[in-house]
N, C-alpha and C. Protein backbone atom coordinates (compact mmCIF):
# COMPACT_ATOMS: atom_id res chain seq x y z
N LYS A 1 106.66 142.85 106.65
CA LYS A 1 106.88 141.51 107.18
C LYS A 1 105.61 141.00 107.88
N VAL A 2 105.47 139.67 107.92
CA VAL A 2 104.26 139.07 108.50
C VAL A 2 104.64 138.08 109.61
N ASP A 3 103.67 137.79 110.47
CA ASP A 3 103.90 136.89 111.60
C ASP A 3 103.79 135.41 111.22
N GLY A 4 103.06 135.14 110.17
CA GLY A 4 102.88 133.74 109.80
C GLY A 4 102.44 133.56 108.36
N VAL A 5 102.81 132.42 107.79
CA VAL A 5 102.40 132.06 106.43
C VAL A 5 101.91 130.61 106.46
N LEU A 6 100.75 130.37 105.88
CA LEU A 6 100.22 129.02 105.73
C LEU A 6 100.22 128.65 104.25
N LEU A 7 100.94 127.60 103.91
CA LEU A 7 100.95 127.09 102.54
C LEU A 7 100.14 125.80 102.51
N ASP A 8 98.98 125.86 101.90
CA ASP A 8 98.12 124.68 101.73
C ASP A 8 98.37 124.16 100.32
N LEU A 9 99.08 123.05 100.21
CA LEU A 9 99.50 122.53 98.91
C LEU A 9 98.43 121.70 98.22
N GLY A 10 97.28 121.57 98.85
CA GLY A 10 96.21 120.75 98.28
C GLY A 10 95.51 121.41 97.11
N VAL A 11 94.84 120.57 96.34
CA VAL A 11 94.04 121.05 95.21
C VAL A 11 92.77 121.70 95.74
N SER A 12 92.32 122.76 95.10
CA SER A 12 91.09 123.45 95.49
C SER A 12 89.89 122.50 95.40
N SER A 13 89.14 122.41 96.50
CA SER A 13 87.94 121.57 96.49
C SER A 13 86.93 122.05 95.45
N ARG A 14 86.88 123.35 95.23
CA ARG A 14 85.95 123.88 94.22
C ARG A 14 86.31 123.36 92.84
N GLN A 15 87.61 123.29 92.56
CA GLN A 15 88.02 122.77 91.26
C GLN A 15 87.75 121.27 91.18
N LEU A 16 88.03 120.55 92.27
CA LEU A 16 87.77 119.11 92.28
C LEU A 16 86.30 118.81 92.05
N ASP A 17 85.44 119.62 92.65
CA ASP A 17 83.99 119.36 92.59
C ASP A 17 83.36 119.85 91.29
N ALA A 18 84.07 120.68 90.54
CA ALA A 18 83.54 121.16 89.25
C ALA A 18 83.81 120.10 88.20
N SER A 19 82.79 119.32 87.88
CA SER A 19 82.99 118.15 87.01
C SER A 19 83.62 118.51 85.67
N GLU A 20 83.30 119.70 85.16
CA GLU A 20 83.82 120.07 83.84
C GLU A 20 85.33 120.29 83.83
N ARG A 21 85.95 120.38 85.03
CA ARG A 21 87.39 120.58 85.09
C ARG A 21 88.17 119.28 84.90
N GLY A 22 87.48 118.16 85.04
CA GLY A 22 88.10 116.87 84.73
C GLY A 22 89.09 116.36 85.75
N PHE A 23 88.96 116.77 87.02
CA PHE A 23 89.86 116.28 88.06
C PHE A 23 89.38 114.98 88.68
N SER A 24 88.07 114.76 88.67
CA SER A 24 87.48 113.66 89.43
C SER A 24 87.02 112.53 88.53
N PHE A 25 87.16 111.31 89.04
CA PHE A 25 86.69 110.14 88.29
C PHE A 25 85.27 109.75 88.70
N SER A 26 84.67 110.49 89.63
CA SER A 26 83.34 110.14 90.12
C SER A 26 82.23 110.59 89.18
N GLN A 27 82.54 111.54 88.29
CA GLN A 27 81.56 112.02 87.31
C GLN A 27 82.21 112.05 85.92
N GLN A 28 81.43 111.74 84.91
CA GLN A 28 81.97 111.78 83.55
C GLN A 28 82.22 113.23 83.14
N ALA A 29 83.42 113.49 82.66
CA ALA A 29 83.80 114.84 82.25
C ALA A 29 84.97 114.74 81.28
N PRO A 30 85.19 115.78 80.48
CA PRO A 30 86.35 115.77 79.59
C PRO A 30 87.65 115.69 80.40
N LEU A 31 88.63 114.95 79.89
CA LEU A 31 89.93 114.87 80.55
C LEU A 31 90.63 116.22 80.40
N ASP A 32 90.75 116.96 81.49
CA ASP A 32 91.37 118.28 81.43
C ASP A 32 92.44 118.41 82.51
N MET A 33 92.02 118.64 83.76
CA MET A 33 92.90 118.72 84.93
C MET A 33 93.79 119.95 84.98
N ARG A 34 93.57 120.93 84.12
CA ARG A 34 94.36 122.17 84.20
C ARG A 34 93.80 123.07 85.28
N MET A 35 94.64 123.46 86.23
CA MET A 35 94.21 124.44 87.23
C MET A 35 94.14 125.83 86.60
N ASP A 36 95.05 126.08 85.68
CA ASP A 36 95.07 127.34 84.94
C ASP A 36 94.70 127.01 83.50
N ARG A 37 93.53 127.42 83.08
CA ARG A 37 93.05 127.02 81.76
C ARG A 37 93.75 127.72 80.60
N SER A 38 94.64 128.64 80.92
CA SER A 38 95.43 129.25 79.85
C SER A 38 96.61 128.35 79.45
N MET A 39 96.87 127.33 80.26
CA MET A 39 97.93 126.37 79.93
C MET A 39 97.50 125.54 78.73
N THR A 40 98.47 125.13 77.94
CA THR A 40 98.13 124.38 76.72
C THR A 40 98.04 122.88 76.96
N LEU A 41 98.88 122.34 77.84
CA LEU A 41 98.91 120.89 78.07
C LEU A 41 97.78 120.48 79.01
N SER A 42 97.00 119.49 78.59
CA SER A 42 95.91 118.97 79.43
C SER A 42 96.12 117.48 79.69
N ALA A 43 95.28 116.93 80.55
CA ALA A 43 95.35 115.49 80.82
C ALA A 43 95.06 114.69 79.55
N TYR A 44 94.17 115.20 78.72
CA TYR A 44 93.86 114.54 77.45
C TYR A 44 95.13 114.37 76.61
N ASP A 45 95.93 115.42 76.55
CA ASP A 45 97.17 115.38 75.76
C ASP A 45 98.14 114.34 76.29
N ILE A 46 98.30 114.30 77.61
CA ILE A 46 99.22 113.34 78.21
C ILE A 46 98.75 111.91 77.96
N VAL A 47 97.48 111.66 78.22
CA VAL A 47 96.94 110.31 78.10
C VAL A 47 96.95 109.81 76.66
N ASN A 48 96.71 110.70 75.71
CA ASN A 48 96.56 110.26 74.32
C ASN A 48 97.78 110.45 73.43
N SER A 49 98.78 111.22 73.88
CA SER A 49 99.91 111.47 72.99
C SER A 49 101.28 111.14 73.58
N PHE A 50 101.39 111.00 74.89
CA PHE A 50 102.69 110.67 75.46
C PHE A 50 103.03 109.20 75.18
N ALA A 51 104.31 108.93 74.95
CA ALA A 51 104.76 107.56 74.72
C ALA A 51 104.46 106.69 75.94
N GLN A 52 104.29 105.40 75.69
CA GLN A 52 103.92 104.49 76.78
C GLN A 52 104.94 104.54 77.92
N ASN A 53 106.24 104.59 77.59
CA ASN A 53 107.25 104.62 78.65
C ASN A 53 107.20 105.92 79.45
N GLU A 54 106.83 107.03 78.80
CA GLU A 54 106.69 108.30 79.51
C GLU A 54 105.48 108.27 80.44
N LEU A 55 104.40 107.68 79.96
CA LEU A 55 103.21 107.52 80.81
C LEU A 55 103.54 106.69 82.05
N GLU A 56 104.28 105.61 81.83
CA GLU A 56 104.65 104.75 82.95
C GLU A 56 105.47 105.53 83.98
N LYS A 57 106.43 106.33 83.52
CA LYS A 57 107.27 107.12 84.43
C LYS A 57 106.42 108.10 85.25
N ILE A 58 105.49 108.78 84.57
CA ILE A 58 104.63 109.75 85.26
C ILE A 58 103.79 109.06 86.33
N ILE A 59 103.16 107.95 85.96
CA ILE A 59 102.28 107.24 86.90
C ILE A 59 103.07 106.63 88.05
N ARG A 60 104.26 106.11 87.75
CA ARG A 60 105.07 105.49 88.80
C ARG A 60 105.64 106.53 89.75
N PHE A 61 106.18 107.64 89.19
CA PHE A 61 106.86 108.63 90.04
C PHE A 61 105.88 109.55 90.76
N TYR A 62 104.97 110.16 90.01
CA TYR A 62 104.04 111.12 90.61
C TYR A 62 102.88 110.45 91.35
N GLY A 63 102.55 109.22 90.96
CA GLY A 63 101.45 108.53 91.62
C GLY A 63 101.90 107.46 92.59
N GLU A 64 103.20 107.13 92.54
CA GLU A 64 103.74 106.05 93.37
C GLU A 64 102.87 104.80 93.23
N GLU A 65 102.52 104.52 91.97
CA GLU A 65 101.60 103.43 91.64
C GLU A 65 102.40 102.18 91.23
N LYS A 66 102.21 101.08 91.97
CA LYS A 66 102.94 99.85 91.70
C LYS A 66 102.54 99.23 90.36
N MET A 67 101.32 99.49 89.92
CA MET A 67 100.82 98.89 88.68
C MET A 67 101.04 99.81 87.48
N ALA A 68 101.99 100.73 87.58
CA ALA A 68 102.20 101.74 86.54
C ALA A 68 102.45 101.14 85.17
N SER A 69 103.26 100.10 85.10
CA SER A 69 103.58 99.50 83.81
C SER A 69 102.33 98.92 83.15
N ARG A 70 101.54 98.20 83.92
CA ARG A 70 100.32 97.60 83.38
C ARG A 70 99.31 98.67 82.96
N ILE A 71 99.20 99.73 83.76
CA ILE A 71 98.25 100.81 83.45
C ILE A 71 98.67 101.53 82.17
N ALA A 72 99.96 101.86 82.05
CA ALA A 72 100.45 102.56 80.86
C ALA A 72 100.23 101.71 79.61
N ARG A 73 100.46 100.42 79.73
CA ARG A 73 100.26 99.51 78.60
C ARG A 73 98.79 99.46 78.20
N ALA A 74 97.90 99.41 79.18
CA ALA A 74 96.45 99.37 78.90
C ALA A 74 95.97 100.67 78.25
N ILE A 75 96.49 101.79 78.73
CA ILE A 75 96.13 103.09 78.13
C ILE A 75 96.59 103.14 76.68
N SER A 76 97.84 102.72 76.45
CA SER A 76 98.40 102.75 75.10
C SER A 76 97.60 101.88 74.14
N LYS A 77 97.17 100.72 74.62
CA LYS A 77 96.38 99.81 73.78
C LYS A 77 95.01 100.38 73.48
N LYS A 78 94.35 100.93 74.51
CA LYS A 78 92.99 101.44 74.35
C LYS A 78 92.94 102.65 73.42
N ARG A 79 93.92 103.54 73.52
CA ARG A 79 93.88 104.76 72.71
C ARG A 79 94.15 104.48 71.23
N GLN A 80 94.66 103.29 70.92
CA GLN A 80 94.83 102.92 69.51
C GLN A 80 93.49 102.64 68.86
N GLU A 81 92.51 102.25 69.67
CA GLU A 81 91.17 102.00 69.15
C GLU A 81 90.42 103.31 68.94
N SER A 82 90.50 104.19 69.94
CA SER A 82 89.89 105.52 69.88
C SER A 82 90.45 106.35 71.02
N PRO A 83 90.45 107.69 70.89
CA PRO A 83 90.99 108.53 71.96
C PRO A 83 90.27 108.32 73.29
N ILE A 84 91.02 108.40 74.37
CA ILE A 84 90.45 108.34 75.72
C ILE A 84 90.08 109.77 76.08
N ALA A 85 88.79 110.07 76.08
CA ALA A 85 88.36 111.47 76.14
C ALA A 85 87.76 111.89 77.48
N THR A 86 87.34 110.94 78.31
CA THR A 86 86.64 111.32 79.54
C THR A 86 87.30 110.71 80.78
N THR A 87 86.97 111.32 81.91
CA THR A 87 87.51 110.85 83.19
C THR A 87 87.05 109.43 83.51
N THR A 88 85.79 109.12 83.22
CA THR A 88 85.28 107.79 83.54
C THR A 88 85.90 106.72 82.64
N GLN A 89 86.21 107.06 81.40
CA GLN A 89 86.91 106.12 80.52
C GLN A 89 88.27 105.76 81.12
N LEU A 90 89.02 106.78 81.50
CA LEU A 90 90.35 106.55 82.07
C LEU A 90 90.26 105.76 83.37
N ALA A 91 89.31 106.12 84.23
CA ALA A 91 89.15 105.42 85.51
C ALA A 91 88.85 103.94 85.30
N ALA A 92 88.02 103.64 84.31
CA ALA A 92 87.66 102.24 84.03
C ALA A 92 88.87 101.45 83.53
N ILE A 93 89.69 102.09 82.70
CA ILE A 93 90.90 101.43 82.20
C ILE A 93 91.84 101.10 83.36
N VAL A 94 92.03 102.08 84.24
CA VAL A 94 92.92 101.87 85.39
C VAL A 94 92.37 100.77 86.29
N ALA A 95 91.08 100.82 86.57
CA ALA A 95 90.46 99.81 87.45
C ALA A 95 90.62 98.40 86.89
N SER A 96 90.56 98.28 85.56
CA SER A 96 90.68 96.97 84.93
C SER A 96 92.07 96.37 85.09
N CYS A 97 93.04 97.20 85.43
CA CYS A 97 94.42 96.73 85.58
C CYS A 97 94.72 96.22 86.98
N MET A 98 93.80 96.43 87.90
CA MET A 98 94.05 96.08 89.30
C MET A 98 93.64 94.64 89.59
N PRO A 99 94.36 93.98 90.49
CA PRO A 99 93.93 92.64 90.93
C PRO A 99 92.51 92.71 91.48
N ALA A 100 91.72 91.69 91.22
CA ALA A 100 90.29 91.72 91.58
C ALA A 100 90.04 92.07 93.03
N GLY A 101 90.87 91.60 93.94
CA GLY A 101 90.64 91.83 95.36
C GLY A 101 90.90 93.25 95.81
N THR A 102 91.54 94.06 94.96
CA THR A 102 91.90 95.43 95.38
C THR A 102 91.07 96.50 94.68
N ARG A 103 90.15 96.11 93.83
CA ARG A 103 89.45 97.10 92.99
C ARG A 103 88.47 97.96 93.75
N TRP A 104 87.87 97.44 94.80
CA TRP A 104 86.79 98.19 95.43
C TRP A 104 87.07 98.48 96.90
N ARG A 105 88.28 98.87 97.19
CA ARG A 105 88.62 99.32 98.53
C ARG A 105 88.12 100.74 98.73
N LYS A 106 88.34 101.28 99.93
CA LYS A 106 87.84 102.62 100.24
C LYS A 106 88.38 103.65 99.25
N ILE A 107 89.66 103.50 98.90
CA ILE A 107 90.27 104.43 97.95
C ILE A 107 90.12 103.86 96.55
N HIS A 108 89.56 104.65 95.64
CA HIS A 108 89.31 104.19 94.27
C HIS A 108 90.64 103.80 93.61
N PRO A 109 90.66 102.72 92.82
CA PRO A 109 91.90 102.25 92.20
C PRO A 109 92.55 103.26 91.25
N ALA A 110 91.78 104.23 90.77
CA ALA A 110 92.34 105.23 89.84
C ALA A 110 92.92 106.44 90.56
N THR A 111 92.83 106.49 91.88
CA THR A 111 93.25 107.68 92.63
C THR A 111 94.69 108.07 92.34
N ARG A 112 95.61 107.12 92.41
CA ARG A 112 97.03 107.42 92.24
C ARG A 112 97.35 107.85 90.81
N THR A 113 96.69 107.21 89.84
CA THR A 113 96.93 107.58 88.44
C THR A 113 96.42 108.98 88.15
N PHE A 114 95.25 109.31 88.66
CA PHE A 114 94.71 110.66 88.47
C PHE A 114 95.60 111.70 89.15
N GLN A 115 96.09 111.38 90.34
CA GLN A 115 97.01 112.28 91.03
C GLN A 115 98.26 112.52 90.18
N ALA A 116 98.81 111.45 89.63
CA ALA A 116 100.04 111.55 88.84
C ALA A 116 99.85 112.44 87.62
N ILE A 117 98.77 112.23 86.90
CA ILE A 117 98.53 113.01 85.68
C ILE A 117 98.25 114.47 86.03
N ARG A 118 97.51 114.71 87.11
CA ARG A 118 97.23 116.09 87.55
C ARG A 118 98.52 116.82 87.91
N ILE A 119 99.42 116.14 88.62
CA ILE A 119 100.70 116.76 88.99
C ILE A 119 101.51 117.08 87.74
N ALA A 120 101.52 116.16 86.77
CA ALA A 120 102.28 116.38 85.54
C ALA A 120 101.71 117.55 84.73
N VAL A 121 100.39 117.63 84.66
CA VAL A 121 99.75 118.72 83.91
C VAL A 121 100.10 120.08 84.50
N ASN A 122 100.07 120.18 85.82
CA ASN A 122 100.19 121.48 86.49
C ASN A 122 101.57 121.78 87.07
N HIS A 123 102.51 120.87 86.86
CA HIS A 123 103.89 121.06 87.39
C HIS A 123 103.85 121.41 88.88
N GLU A 124 103.02 120.70 89.62
CA GLU A 124 102.76 121.07 91.01
C GLU A 124 104.00 121.04 91.89
N LEU A 125 104.84 120.04 91.73
CA LEU A 125 105.99 119.90 92.62
C LEU A 125 107.04 120.98 92.38
N ASP A 126 107.06 121.54 91.18
CA ASP A 126 108.04 122.58 90.85
C ASP A 126 107.80 123.87 91.63
N ASN A 127 106.60 124.05 92.15
CA ASN A 127 106.25 125.32 92.79
C ASN A 127 106.48 125.34 94.30
N ILE A 128 106.78 124.18 94.89
CA ILE A 128 106.85 124.12 96.36
C ILE A 128 108.06 124.87 96.91
N LYS A 129 109.25 124.59 96.39
CA LYS A 129 110.45 125.26 96.91
C LYS A 129 110.39 126.77 96.72
N PRO A 130 110.05 127.27 95.52
CA PRO A 130 109.95 128.73 95.37
C PRO A 130 108.94 129.35 96.33
N ALA A 131 107.83 128.66 96.57
CA ALA A 131 106.82 129.19 97.50
C ALA A 131 107.36 129.25 98.92
N MET A 132 108.11 128.24 99.32
CA MET A 132 108.69 128.23 100.67
C MET A 132 109.71 129.35 100.83
N HIS A 133 110.54 129.57 99.82
CA HIS A 133 111.55 130.63 99.90
C HIS A 133 110.89 132.01 99.92
N ALA A 134 109.83 132.17 99.13
CA ALA A 134 109.11 133.45 99.13
C ALA A 134 108.49 133.70 100.50
N ALA A 135 107.97 132.65 101.12
CA ALA A 135 107.37 132.79 102.45
C ALA A 135 108.41 133.17 103.49
N VAL A 136 109.57 132.53 103.43
CA VAL A 136 110.66 132.84 104.37
C VAL A 136 111.07 134.30 104.26
N ASP A 137 111.09 134.82 103.05
CA ASP A 137 111.53 136.20 102.81
C ASP A 137 110.60 137.24 103.44
N VAL A 138 109.33 136.90 103.63
CA VAL A 138 108.39 137.89 104.17
C VAL A 138 108.08 137.67 105.66
N LEU A 139 108.65 136.62 106.25
CA LEU A 139 108.38 136.33 107.66
C LEU A 139 109.25 137.17 108.59
N LYS A 140 108.64 137.64 109.66
CA LYS A 140 109.40 138.30 110.73
C LYS A 140 110.22 137.25 111.48
N THR A 141 111.26 137.68 112.16
CA THR A 141 111.99 136.79 113.06
C THR A 141 111.01 136.25 114.11
N GLY A 142 111.01 134.94 114.28
CA GLY A 142 110.06 134.31 115.20
C GLY A 142 108.74 133.96 114.55
N GLY A 143 108.54 134.38 113.31
CA GLY A 143 107.31 134.05 112.59
C GLY A 143 107.23 132.57 112.27
N ARG A 144 106.06 132.13 111.92
CA ARG A 144 105.82 130.70 111.67
C ARG A 144 105.47 130.44 110.21
N LEU A 145 106.10 129.40 109.67
CA LEU A 145 105.77 128.91 108.34
C LEU A 145 105.11 127.54 108.52
N CYS A 146 103.83 127.46 108.14
CA CYS A 146 103.06 126.23 108.29
C CYS A 146 102.73 125.69 106.90
N MET A 147 103.00 124.40 106.69
CA MET A 147 102.80 123.82 105.37
C MET A 147 101.98 122.54 105.47
N ILE A 148 100.89 122.49 104.72
CA ILE A 148 100.03 121.30 104.69
C ILE A 148 100.23 120.61 103.34
N SER A 149 100.68 119.37 103.39
CA SER A 149 100.83 118.58 102.16
C SER A 149 99.82 117.43 102.18
N PHE A 150 99.60 116.84 101.01
CA PHE A 150 98.55 115.82 100.91
C PHE A 150 99.03 114.50 100.31
N HIS A 151 100.29 114.40 99.97
CA HIS A 151 100.83 113.11 99.56
C HIS A 151 102.33 113.11 99.83
N SER A 152 102.92 111.93 99.79
CA SER A 152 104.30 111.78 100.26
C SER A 152 105.31 112.55 99.42
N LEU A 153 105.04 112.75 98.14
CA LEU A 153 105.98 113.50 97.30
C LEU A 153 106.08 114.94 97.77
N GLU A 154 104.94 115.57 98.04
CA GLU A 154 104.94 116.94 98.56
C GLU A 154 105.62 117.00 99.93
N ASP A 155 105.24 116.07 100.80
CA ASP A 155 105.78 116.08 102.16
C ASP A 155 107.29 115.91 102.16
N ARG A 156 107.80 115.07 101.28
CA ARG A 156 109.25 114.84 101.20
C ARG A 156 109.98 116.11 100.80
N ILE A 157 109.42 116.85 99.83
CA ILE A 157 110.04 118.10 99.41
C ILE A 157 110.03 119.11 100.55
N VAL A 158 108.88 119.24 101.23
CA VAL A 158 108.76 120.17 102.36
C VAL A 158 109.77 119.84 103.45
N LYS A 159 109.83 118.56 103.82
CA LYS A 159 110.73 118.12 104.90
C LYS A 159 112.19 118.39 104.54
N ASN A 160 112.57 118.05 103.30
CA ASN A 160 113.96 118.24 102.88
C ASN A 160 114.32 119.72 102.76
N GLU A 161 113.35 120.54 102.34
CA GLU A 161 113.64 121.97 102.18
C GLU A 161 113.76 122.65 103.54
N ILE A 162 112.96 122.24 104.51
CA ILE A 162 113.12 122.76 105.87
C ILE A 162 114.52 122.42 106.37
N ARG A 163 114.94 121.19 106.14
CA ARG A 163 116.27 120.75 106.57
C ARG A 163 117.35 121.60 105.91
N SER A 164 117.16 121.88 104.62
CA SER A 164 118.13 122.71 103.90
C SER A 164 118.19 124.12 104.46
N LEU A 165 117.01 124.68 104.78
CA LEU A 165 116.95 126.05 105.30
C LEU A 165 117.38 126.15 106.76
N GLU A 166 117.60 125.01 107.40
CA GLU A 166 118.16 124.99 108.75
C GLU A 166 119.69 125.03 108.72
N GLY A 167 120.27 124.88 107.52
CA GLY A 167 121.72 124.76 107.38
C GLY A 167 122.48 125.91 108.02
N ARG A 168 123.52 125.57 108.78
CA ARG A 168 124.32 126.57 109.46
C ARG A 168 125.42 127.11 108.55
N CYS A 169 125.77 128.37 108.75
CA CYS A 169 126.82 129.02 107.97
C CYS A 169 128.16 128.32 108.21
N VAL A 170 128.92 128.06 107.12
CA VAL A 170 130.23 127.40 107.23
C VAL A 170 131.35 128.33 106.79
N CYS A 171 131.06 129.63 106.70
CA CYS A 171 132.10 130.60 106.34
C CYS A 171 133.11 130.73 107.48
N PRO A 172 134.37 131.13 107.18
CA PRO A 172 135.37 131.37 108.23
C PRO A 172 134.87 132.42 109.22
N PRO A 173 135.21 132.28 110.49
CA PRO A 173 134.73 133.22 111.52
C PRO A 173 135.08 134.67 111.23
N ASP A 174 136.21 134.90 110.53
CA ASP A 174 136.62 136.28 110.26
C ASP A 174 136.02 136.85 108.98
N SER A 175 135.14 136.07 108.31
CA SER A 175 134.51 136.56 107.08
C SER A 175 133.53 137.68 107.43
N PRO A 176 133.61 138.83 106.74
CA PRO A 176 132.73 139.97 107.07
C PRO A 176 131.26 139.71 106.77
N PHE A 177 130.98 138.80 105.83
CA PHE A 177 129.59 138.46 105.53
C PHE A 177 129.54 137.03 104.98
N CYS A 178 128.35 136.49 104.99
CA CYS A 178 128.16 135.09 104.57
C CYS A 178 128.24 134.97 103.05
N VAL A 179 129.08 134.04 102.58
CA VAL A 179 129.17 133.78 101.14
C VAL A 179 128.81 132.32 100.81
N CYS A 180 128.64 131.50 101.86
CA CYS A 180 128.34 130.08 101.60
C CYS A 180 126.86 129.85 101.31
N GLN A 181 126.06 130.87 101.59
CA GLN A 181 124.61 130.79 101.38
C GLN A 181 123.96 129.66 102.18
N ARG A 182 124.59 129.31 103.29
CA ARG A 182 124.04 128.26 104.15
C ARG A 182 123.62 128.82 105.51
N ASP A 183 123.40 130.13 105.55
CA ASP A 183 122.96 130.72 106.82
C ASP A 183 121.57 130.18 107.17
N ALA A 184 121.42 129.83 108.43
CA ALA A 184 120.15 129.24 108.88
C ALA A 184 119.03 130.27 108.82
N LYS A 185 117.94 129.87 108.20
CA LYS A 185 116.78 130.75 108.09
C LYS A 185 115.56 130.22 108.84
N LEU A 186 115.53 128.90 109.06
CA LEU A 186 114.39 128.28 109.72
C LEU A 186 114.84 127.32 110.81
N LYS A 187 113.95 127.10 111.76
CA LYS A 187 114.12 126.04 112.75
C LYS A 187 112.90 125.14 112.68
N ASN A 188 113.13 123.85 112.48
CA ASN A 188 112.02 122.90 112.41
C ASN A 188 111.35 122.76 113.77
N LEU A 189 110.05 122.95 113.83
CA LEU A 189 109.31 122.89 115.09
C LEU A 189 108.46 121.62 115.22
N THR A 190 108.45 120.81 114.18
CA THR A 190 107.68 119.55 114.22
C THR A 190 108.59 118.41 113.78
N LYS A 191 109.07 117.62 114.74
CA LYS A 191 109.93 116.49 114.39
C LYS A 191 109.18 115.49 113.53
N LYS A 192 107.91 115.30 113.85
CA LYS A 192 107.05 114.44 113.04
C LYS A 192 105.87 115.28 112.55
N ALA A 193 105.43 114.98 111.34
CA ALA A 193 104.29 115.72 110.78
C ALA A 193 103.05 115.52 111.65
N ILE A 194 102.26 116.57 111.78
CA ILE A 194 101.00 116.51 112.54
C ILE A 194 99.90 115.98 111.61
N MET A 195 99.20 114.95 112.07
CA MET A 195 98.18 114.30 111.26
C MET A 195 96.79 114.68 111.76
N PRO A 196 95.77 114.60 110.91
CA PRO A 196 94.41 114.91 111.35
C PRO A 196 93.87 113.86 112.31
N SER A 197 93.01 114.28 113.22
CA SER A 197 92.38 113.34 114.16
C SER A 197 91.27 112.56 113.45
N GLU A 198 90.83 111.50 114.09
CA GLU A 198 89.72 110.71 113.54
C GLU A 198 88.46 111.57 113.41
N GLU A 199 88.26 112.47 114.38
CA GLU A 199 87.09 113.36 114.34
C GLU A 199 87.15 114.28 113.12
N GLU A 200 88.34 114.81 112.85
CA GLU A 200 88.47 115.71 111.70
C GLU A 200 88.25 114.96 110.39
N ILE A 201 88.80 113.75 110.30
CA ILE A 201 88.62 112.96 109.09
C ILE A 201 87.14 112.62 108.88
N ALA A 202 86.44 112.35 109.98
CA ALA A 202 85.01 112.03 109.88
C ALA A 202 84.21 113.22 109.35
N SER A 203 84.60 114.43 109.76
CA SER A 203 83.86 115.62 109.31
C SER A 203 84.37 116.14 107.97
N ASN A 204 85.61 115.79 107.62
CA ASN A 204 86.20 116.26 106.37
C ASN A 204 87.08 115.14 105.80
N PRO A 205 86.49 114.18 105.08
CA PRO A 205 87.24 113.02 104.59
C PRO A 205 88.46 113.39 103.74
N ARG A 206 88.43 114.53 103.07
CA ARG A 206 89.57 114.91 102.24
C ARG A 206 90.82 115.25 103.05
N ALA A 207 90.65 115.37 104.36
CA ALA A 207 91.80 115.68 105.23
C ALA A 207 92.57 114.42 105.60
N ARG A 208 92.11 113.25 105.17
CA ARG A 208 92.68 112.00 105.68
C ARG A 208 94.18 111.88 105.41
N SER A 209 94.67 112.42 104.30
CA SER A 209 96.08 112.27 103.96
C SER A 209 96.90 113.52 104.28
N ALA A 210 96.30 114.51 104.92
CA ALA A 210 96.99 115.77 105.19
C ALA A 210 98.10 115.60 106.23
N LYS A 211 99.21 116.32 106.01
CA LYS A 211 100.32 116.37 106.96
C LYS A 211 100.72 117.82 107.16
N LEU A 212 100.81 118.23 108.41
CA LEU A 212 101.19 119.61 108.74
C LEU A 212 102.59 119.64 109.31
N ARG A 213 103.45 120.49 108.75
CA ARG A 213 104.79 120.73 109.29
C ARG A 213 104.93 122.22 109.56
N VAL A 214 105.62 122.56 110.65
CA VAL A 214 105.76 123.95 111.07
C VAL A 214 107.24 124.26 111.31
N ALA A 215 107.66 125.43 110.85
CA ALA A 215 109.03 125.90 111.07
C ALA A 215 108.99 127.34 111.53
N GLY A 216 109.98 127.73 112.34
CA GLY A 216 110.07 129.10 112.84
C GLY A 216 111.17 129.87 112.14
N ARG A 217 110.90 131.14 111.86
CA ARG A 217 111.89 132.00 111.18
C ARG A 217 112.96 132.44 112.18
N LEU A 218 114.21 132.29 111.80
CA LEU A 218 115.33 132.71 112.64
C LEU A 218 115.75 134.13 112.29
């Protein structure tokens, strides 16, 4: 058993900075986005072969992108001319779909779309609950489970799963053991997520969207 577990749900900076991995729109690279290169599905496959309505769903749900319909339509139209093969090609298509006044804000207009496709390629959200349960199983009583998420989809899953793991047993008092599987395993220690300070963001801009939640093992 261990005293604490830290789950950092963010993408590896080394992978983000490796242009050949195709995660970033700041450098031209093949559309890939696979964290595990033994996986068969890549960003190229999603962008060039998924139906327009499926693309829209991915961009809207995983990217929480309001312009998802317009972006999916533009991708579908462009790939009919020739395959969309690079990160910069995709970023330019997405940027062209944005209202002129929003294209050059601090956050690049393709950020949400790239996030959505990366999540779809790597099935990122599917791994959060199993990771939390595995962490709970190895924690000592009184141990701490700390989770850092980087977008609202991750944070929502973390918050809801903590709430679920706080569930109290509803078995009859005379029951010799718990059968409802609602025995409390965690206590939420952060009513609101802890956010990075301005100083931290200044020294590490990638921390700007980070949220930390902490729970104690019962």
